[in-house]
C-alpha cells in the first residue's frame, strides 16, 4: 500500500523546521522502523531540500512524502525553474554543502522542471512498516510536529467518550486587521 502526505510550507525560513518535523512525524505514524542513522539522514535531507526551496524559490513550497514498497520518497516543489546547482563549500562556509549531502545520504535523487517551477526529490530504501499505527500514535506524532496553536484541534479519546466532539483552539497571539498583536 502506498501512503502519502503533503505539507504546505510558507516562504519563511522559520517554517523549515516545522515542515521537517512533520515529515518525520508522518514516517513515524506510518510505522516505519527507522534506526537513528536513517532517521538523521531523512531529517537532514528533508531540511536541505526544504531550505533550498524556501531560500531560492518563490511563494509557497509543497513537500510530498510517499511511502511504498520499501521506498520513502521526498518531493519538494517550488516556484523557481532554475536547475539546482551543486556548489562547493570552502573552509568554514555555512552554505554550499546541501546537495552534496543529499547525494551522499539518499539512495537516489534528482530534479525535474514543472509547469510552475521545479520539483526536487530524494529517495531512501527503508524497512517495511510495522503494523499500521492507529489513532493515539498518530495523535502523538502530530502533536509533536504541530505548531503550538494547532495542538488541541483533535479531542482526546477521553473527551470523545464524554461527548466532546471538538475543542477550542489555543492561539498564542492574534493579529487584528490593523496589524496589532493581541
C-alpha atoms as a PDB file:
ATOM      1  CA  UNK A   1       0.000   0.000   0.000  1.00  0.00           C
ATOM      2  CA  UNK A   2       1.305   3.439  -0.899  1.00  0.00           C
ATOM      3  CA  UNK A   3       0.920   6.145   1.709  1.00  0.00           C
ATOM      4  CA  UNK A   4       1.344   9.818   1.033  1.00  0.00           C
ATOM      5  CA  UNK A   5       1.160  13.204   2.705  1.00  0.00           C
ATOM      6  CA  UNK A   6       1.505  16.783   1.503  1.00  0.00           C
ATOM      7  CA  UNK A   7       2.876  19.614   3.576  1.00  0.00           C
ATOM      8  CA  UNK A   8       2.487  23.256   2.581  1.00  0.00           C
ATOM      9  CA  UNK A   9       5.425  25.441   3.668  1.00  0.00           C
ATOM     10  CA  UNK A  10       5.381  29.235   3.729  1.00  0.00           C
ATOM     11  CA  UNK A  11       8.308  31.190   2.303  1.00  0.00           C
ATOM     12  CA  UNK A  12       9.501  31.957   5.840  1.00  0.00           C
ATOM     13  CA  UNK A  13      12.769  30.170   6.761  1.00  0.00           C
ATOM     14  CA  UNK A  14      11.422  29.510  10.267  1.00  0.00           C
ATOM     15  CA  UNK A  15       8.856  27.137   8.700  1.00  0.00           C
ATOM     16  CA  UNK A  16      11.574  24.714   7.564  1.00  0.00           C
ATOM     17  CA  UNK A  17      11.985  23.077  10.986  1.00  0.00           C
ATOM     18  CA  UNK A  18       8.224  22.594  11.371  1.00  0.00           C
ATOM     19  CA  UNK A  19       7.953  21.033   7.895  1.00  0.00           C
ATOM     20  CA  UNK A  20      10.947  18.763   8.520  1.00  0.00           C
ATOM     21  CA  UNK A  21       9.440  17.586  11.807  1.00  0.00           C
ATOM     22  CA  UNK A  22       6.102  16.925  10.079  1.00  0.00           C
ATOM     23  CA  UNK A  23       7.888  14.739   7.501  1.00  0.00           C
ATOM     24  CA  UNK A  24       9.363  12.648  10.320  1.00  0.00           C
ATOM     25  CA  UNK A  25       6.016  12.574  12.153  1.00  0.00           C
ATOM     26  CA  UNK A  26       4.309  11.089   9.088  1.00  0.00           C
ATOM     27  CA  UNK A  27       7.010   8.456   8.640  1.00  0.00           C
ATOM     28  CA  UNK A  28       6.769   7.544  12.339  1.00  0.00           C
ATOM     29  CA  UNK A  29       2.940   7.444  12.199  1.00  0.00           C
ATOM     30  CA  UNK A  30       3.118   5.091   9.226  1.00  0.00           C
ATOM     31  CA  UNK A  31       5.061   2.669  11.435  1.00  0.00           C
ATOM     32  CA  UNK A  32       8.361   2.758   9.516  1.00  0.00           C
ATOM     33  CA  UNK A  33      11.058   1.483  11.904  1.00  0.00           C
ATOM     34  CA  UNK A  34      13.955   3.843  11.184  1.00  0.00           C
ATOM     35  CA  UNK A  35      17.169   3.407  13.113  1.00  0.00           C
ATOM     36  CA  UNK A  36      18.889   6.547  14.401  1.00  0.00           C
ATOM     37  CA  UNK A  37      21.195   6.842  11.384  1.00  0.00           C
ATOM     38  CA  UNK A  38      18.384   6.579   8.830  1.00  0.00           C
ATOM     39  CA  UNK A  39      16.176   8.955  10.819  1.00  0.00           C
ATOM     40  CA  UNK A  40      19.011  11.505  10.888  1.00  0.00           C
ATOM     41  CA  UNK A  41      19.587  11.064   7.144  1.00  0.00           C
ATOM     42  CA  UNK A  42      15.895  11.636   6.315  1.00  0.00           C
ATOM     43  CA  UNK A  43      15.808  14.629   8.669  1.00  0.00           C
ATOM     44  CA  UNK A  44      18.916  16.217   7.127  1.00  0.00           C
ATOM     45  CA  UNK A  45      17.824  15.622   3.531  1.00  0.00           C
ATOM     46  CA  UNK A  46      14.329  16.984   4.244  1.00  0.00           C
ATOM     47  CA  UNK A  47      15.922  20.058   5.839  1.00  0.00           C
ATOM     48  CA  UNK A  48      18.239  20.642   2.892  1.00  0.00           C
ATOM     49  CA  UNK A  49      15.590  20.227   0.200  1.00  0.00           C
ATOM     50  CA  UNK A  50      13.015  22.367   2.014  1.00  0.00           C
ATOM     51  CA  UNK A  51      15.567  25.055   2.897  1.00  0.00           C
ATOM     52  CA  UNK A  52      16.747  25.288  -0.714  1.00  0.00           C
ATOM     53  CA  UNK A  53      13.146  25.655  -1.910  1.00  0.00           C
ATOM     54  CA  UNK A  54      12.348  28.355   0.656  1.00  0.00           C
ATOM     55  CA  UNK A  55      15.586  30.299   0.072  1.00  0.00           C
ATOM     56  CA  UNK A  56      15.790  30.005  -3.726  1.00  0.00           C
ATOM     57  CA  UNK A  57      12.134  29.516  -4.667  1.00  0.00           C
ATOM     58  CA  UNK A  58       9.266  31.949  -4.608  1.00  0.00           C
ATOM     59  CA  UNK A  59       5.996  31.777  -2.712  1.00  0.00           C
ATOM     60  CA  UNK A  60       4.850  28.624  -1.011  1.00  0.00           C
ATOM     61  CA  UNK A  61       6.695  25.311  -1.152  1.00  0.00           C
ATOM     62  CA  UNK A  62       4.924  21.947  -1.199  1.00  0.00           C
ATOM     63  CA  UNK A  63       6.527  18.853   0.297  1.00  0.00           C
ATOM     64  CA  UNK A  64       5.249  15.444  -0.752  1.00  0.00           C
ATOM     65  CA  UNK A  65       6.080  12.390   1.349  1.00  0.00           C
ATOM     66  CA  UNK A  66       5.413   8.988  -0.228  1.00  0.00           C
ATOM     67  CA  UNK A  67       5.930   5.503   1.200  1.00  0.00           C
ATOM     68  CA  UNK A  68       5.561   2.268  -0.739  1.00  0.00           C
ATOM     69  CA  UNK A  69       7.416  -0.963  -1.485  1.00  0.00           C
ATOM     70  CA  UNK A  70      10.304  -0.278   0.901  1.00  0.00           C
ATOM     71  CA  UNK A  71      10.869   3.198  -0.527  1.00  0.00           C
ATOM     72  CA  UNK A  72      10.444   6.604   1.083  1.00  0.00           C
ATOM     73  CA  UNK A  73      10.267   9.449  -1.422  1.00  0.00           C
ATOM     74  CA  UNK A  74      10.506  13.154  -0.541  1.00  0.00           C
ATOM     75  CA  UNK A  75       9.435  15.540  -3.307  1.00  0.00           C
ATOM     76  CA  UNK A  76       9.775  19.301  -2.828  1.00  0.00           C
ATOM     77  CA  UNK A  77       8.014  21.641  -5.283  1.00  0.00           C
ATOM     78  CA  UNK A  78       8.989  25.311  -5.535  1.00  0.00           C
ATOM     79  CA  UNK A  79       8.297  28.209  -7.896  1.00  0.00           C
ATOM     80  CA  UNK A  80      11.822  28.625  -9.283  1.00  0.00           C
ATOM     81  CA  UNK A  81      12.539  26.919 -12.621  1.00  0.00           C
ATOM     82  CA  UNK A  82      16.327  27.179 -12.298  1.00  0.00           C
ATOM     83  CA  UNK A  83      18.268  23.940 -12.068  1.00  0.00           C
ATOM     84  CA  UNK A  84      19.606  23.262  -8.563  1.00  0.00           C
ATOM     85  CA  UNK A  85      23.352  23.876  -8.623  1.00  0.00           C
ATOM     86  CA  UNK A  86      25.774  21.931  -6.530  1.00  0.00           C
ATOM     87  CA  UNK A  87      28.195  24.396  -5.014  1.00  0.00           C
ATOM     88  CA  UNK A  88      31.459  23.576  -3.364  1.00  0.00           C
ATOM     89  CA  UNK A  89      31.952  24.979   0.103  1.00  0.00           C
ATOM     90  CA  UNK A  90      35.324  26.178   1.211  1.00  0.00           C
ATOM     91  CA  UNK A  91      36.665  26.184   4.747  1.00  0.00           C
ATOM     92  CA  UNK A  92      34.141  27.431   7.265  1.00  0.00           C
ATOM     93  CA  UNK A  93      31.497  28.469   4.726  1.00  0.00           C
ATOM     94  CA  UNK A  94      27.964  27.897   6.023  1.00  0.00           C
ATOM     95  CA  UNK A  95      26.459  27.249   2.584  1.00  0.00           C
ATOM     96  CA  UNK A  96      27.341  25.022  -0.352  1.00  0.00           C
ATOM     97  CA  UNK A  97      27.181  21.539   1.146  1.00  0.00           C
ATOM     98  CA  UNK A  98      23.441  20.807   0.872  1.00  0.00           C
ATOM     99  CA  UNK A  99      23.154  18.991  -2.448  1.00  0.00           C
ATOM    100  CA  UNK A 100      26.387  17.070  -1.775  1.00  0.00           C
ATOM    101  CA  UNK A 101      24.827  15.839   1.482  1.00  0.00           C
ATOM    102  CA  UNK A 102      21.609  14.888  -0.294  1.00  0.00           C
ATOM    103  CA  UNK A 103      23.593  12.930  -2.904  1.00  0.00           C
ATOM    104  CA  UNK A 104      25.567  11.070  -0.254  1.00  0.00           C
ATOM    105  CA  UNK A 105      22.652  10.252   2.087  1.00  0.00           C
ATOM    106  CA  UNK A 106      19.788   9.421  -0.289  1.00  0.00           C
ATOM    107  CA  UNK A 107      19.606   6.216  -2.325  1.00  0.00           C
ATOM    108  CA  UNK A 108      18.812   8.363  -5.362  1.00  0.00           C
ATOM    109  CA  UNK A 109      17.895  11.966  -6.030  1.00  0.00           C
ATOM    110  CA  UNK A 110      17.192  14.372  -8.852  1.00  0.00           C
ATOM    111  CA  UNK A 111      15.056  17.209 -10.122  1.00  0.00           C
ATOM    112  CA  UNK A 112      12.585  17.947 -12.913  1.00  0.00           C
ATOM    113  CA  UNK A 113      11.107  21.165 -14.258  1.00  0.00           C
ATOM    114  CA  UNK A 114       7.354  21.584 -13.772  1.00  0.00           C
ATOM    115  CA  UNK A 115       4.766  23.944 -15.240  1.00  0.00           C
ATOM    116  CA  UNK A 116       5.141  26.265 -12.232  1.00  0.00           C
ATOM    117  CA  UNK A 117       8.767  25.782 -11.222  1.00  0.00           C
ATOM    118  CA  UNK A 118      10.537  22.550 -10.368  1.00  0.00           C
ATOM    119  CA  UNK A 119      10.438  19.519  -8.145  1.00  0.00           C
ATOM    120  CA  UNK A 120      13.499  18.211  -6.376  1.00  0.00           C
ATOM    121  CA  UNK A 121      13.336  14.715  -4.945  1.00  0.00           C
ATOM    122  CA  UNK A 122      15.267  12.247  -2.825  1.00  0.00           C
ATOM    123  CA  UNK A 123      14.517   8.580  -2.282  1.00  0.00           C
ATOM    124  CA  UNK A 124      15.513   6.225   0.533  1.00  0.00           C
ATOM    125  CA  UNK A 125      15.334   2.470   0.944  1.00  0.00           C
ATOM    126  CA  UNK A 126      13.521   1.888   4.244  1.00  0.00           C
ATOM    127  CA  UNK A 127      12.334  -1.145   6.218  1.00  0.00           C
ATOM    128  CA  UNK A 128       8.733  -2.223   5.776  1.00  0.00           C
ATOM    129  CA  UNK A 129       6.300  -0.565   8.173  1.00  0.00           C
ATOM    130  CA  UNK A 130       5.300  -2.375  11.319  1.00  0.00           C
ATOM    131  CA  UNK A 131       1.544  -2.974  11.736  1.00  0.00           C
ATOM    132  CA  UNK A 132      -0.500   0.125  10.936  1.00  0.00           C
ATOM    133  CA  UNK A 133      -0.286   2.826  13.567  1.00  0.00           C
ATOM    134  CA  UNK A 134      -3.632   3.800  14.963  1.00  0.00           C
ATOM    135  CA  UNK A 135      -5.192   6.982  16.377  1.00  0.00           C
ATOM    136  CA  UNK A 136      -3.198   7.529  19.560  1.00  0.00           C
ATOM    137  CA  UNK A 137       0.212   7.056  17.875  1.00  0.00           C
ATOM    138  CA  UNK A 138      -0.831   9.387  15.052  1.00  0.00           C
ATOM    139  CA  UNK A 139      -2.203  11.924  17.539  1.00  0.00           C
ATOM    140  CA  UNK A 140       1.089  11.954  19.499  1.00  0.00           C
ATOM    141  CA  UNK A 141       3.120  12.293  16.288  1.00  0.00           C
ATOM    142  CA  UNK A 142       1.034  15.206  15.054  1.00  0.00           C
ATOM    143  CA  UNK A 143       1.115  16.928  18.454  1.00  0.00           C
ATOM    144  CA  UNK A 144       4.907  16.658  18.437  1.00  0.00           C
ATOM    145  CA  UNK A 145       5.241  18.193  14.977  1.00  0.00           C
ATOM    146  CA  UNK A 146       2.398  20.725  15.014  1.00  0.00           C
ATOM    147  CA  UNK A 147       2.850  24.371  15.930  1.00  0.00           C
ATOM    148  CA  UNK A 148       1.533  25.126  19.433  1.00  0.00           C
ATOM    149  CA  UNK A 149      -1.562  26.915  18.133  1.00  0.00           C
ATOM    150  CA  UNK A 150      -2.783  23.732  16.437  1.00  0.00           C
ATOM    151  CA  UNK A 151      -2.051  21.126  19.117  1.00  0.00           C
ATOM    152  CA  UNK A 152      -5.569  20.963  20.572  1.00  0.00           C
ATOM    153  CA  UNK A 153      -7.552  20.561  17.363  1.00  0.00           C
ATOM    154  CA  UNK A 154      -8.173  16.853  17.968  1.00  0.00           C
ATOM    155  CA  UNK A 155     -10.151  15.813  21.046  1.00  0.00           C
ATOM    156  CA  UNK A 156      -8.585  13.061  23.132  1.00  0.00           C
ATOM    157  CA  UNK A 157     -10.299   9.683  23.358  1.00  0.00           C
ATOM    158  CA  UNK A 158     -11.467  10.502  26.916  1.00  0.00           C
ATOM    159  CA  UNK A 159     -13.028  13.770  25.664  1.00  0.00           C
ATOM    160  CA  UNK A 160     -14.806  11.874  22.889  1.00  0.00           C
ATOM    161  CA  UNK A 161     -16.145   9.375  25.433  1.00  0.00           C
ATOM    162  CA  UNK A 162     -17.540  12.323  27.408  1.00  0.00           C
ATOM    163  CA  UNK A 163     -19.351  13.560  24.292  1.00  0.00           C
ATOM    164  CA  UNK A 164     -16.937  16.353  23.334  1.00  0.00           C
ATOM    165  CA  UNK A 165     -16.590  16.395  19.550  1.00  0.00           C
ATOM    166  CA  UNK A 166     -14.433  19.490  19.182  1.00  0.00           C
ATOM    167  CA  UNK A 167     -12.151  21.521  21.371  1.00  0.00           C
ATOM    168  CA  UNK A 168     -11.394  25.228  21.351  1.00  0.00           C
ATOM    169  CA  UNK A 169      -8.184  26.123  19.606  1.00  0.00           C
ATOM    170  CA  UNK A 170      -5.488  27.751  21.717  1.00  0.00           C
ATOM    171  CA  UNK A 171      -3.753  30.511  19.848  1.00  0.00           C
ATOM    172  CA  UNK A 172      -0.733  32.165  21.394  1.00  0.00           C
ATOM    173  CA  UNK A 173      -1.363  35.511  19.686  1.00  0.00           C
ATOM    174  CA  UNK A 174      -3.755  37.066  17.195  1.00  0.00           C
ATOM    175  CA  UNK A 175      -3.124  39.954  14.841  1.00  0.00           C
ATOM    176  CA  UNK A 176      -6.137  42.148  14.106  1.00  0.00           C
ATOM    177  CA  UNK A 177      -6.862  43.902  10.816  1.00  0.00           C
ATOM    178  CA  UNK A 178      -4.866  46.972  11.906  1.00  0.00           C
ATOM    179  CA  UNK A 179      -1.772  44.803  12.395  1.00  0.00           C
ATOM    180  CA  UNK A 180      -1.854  44.998  16.192  1.00  0.00           C
ATOM    181  CA  UNK A 181      -0.882  41.838  18.000  1.00  0.00           C
ATOM    182  CA  UNK A 182      -3.112  40.785  20.923  1.00  0.00           C
END
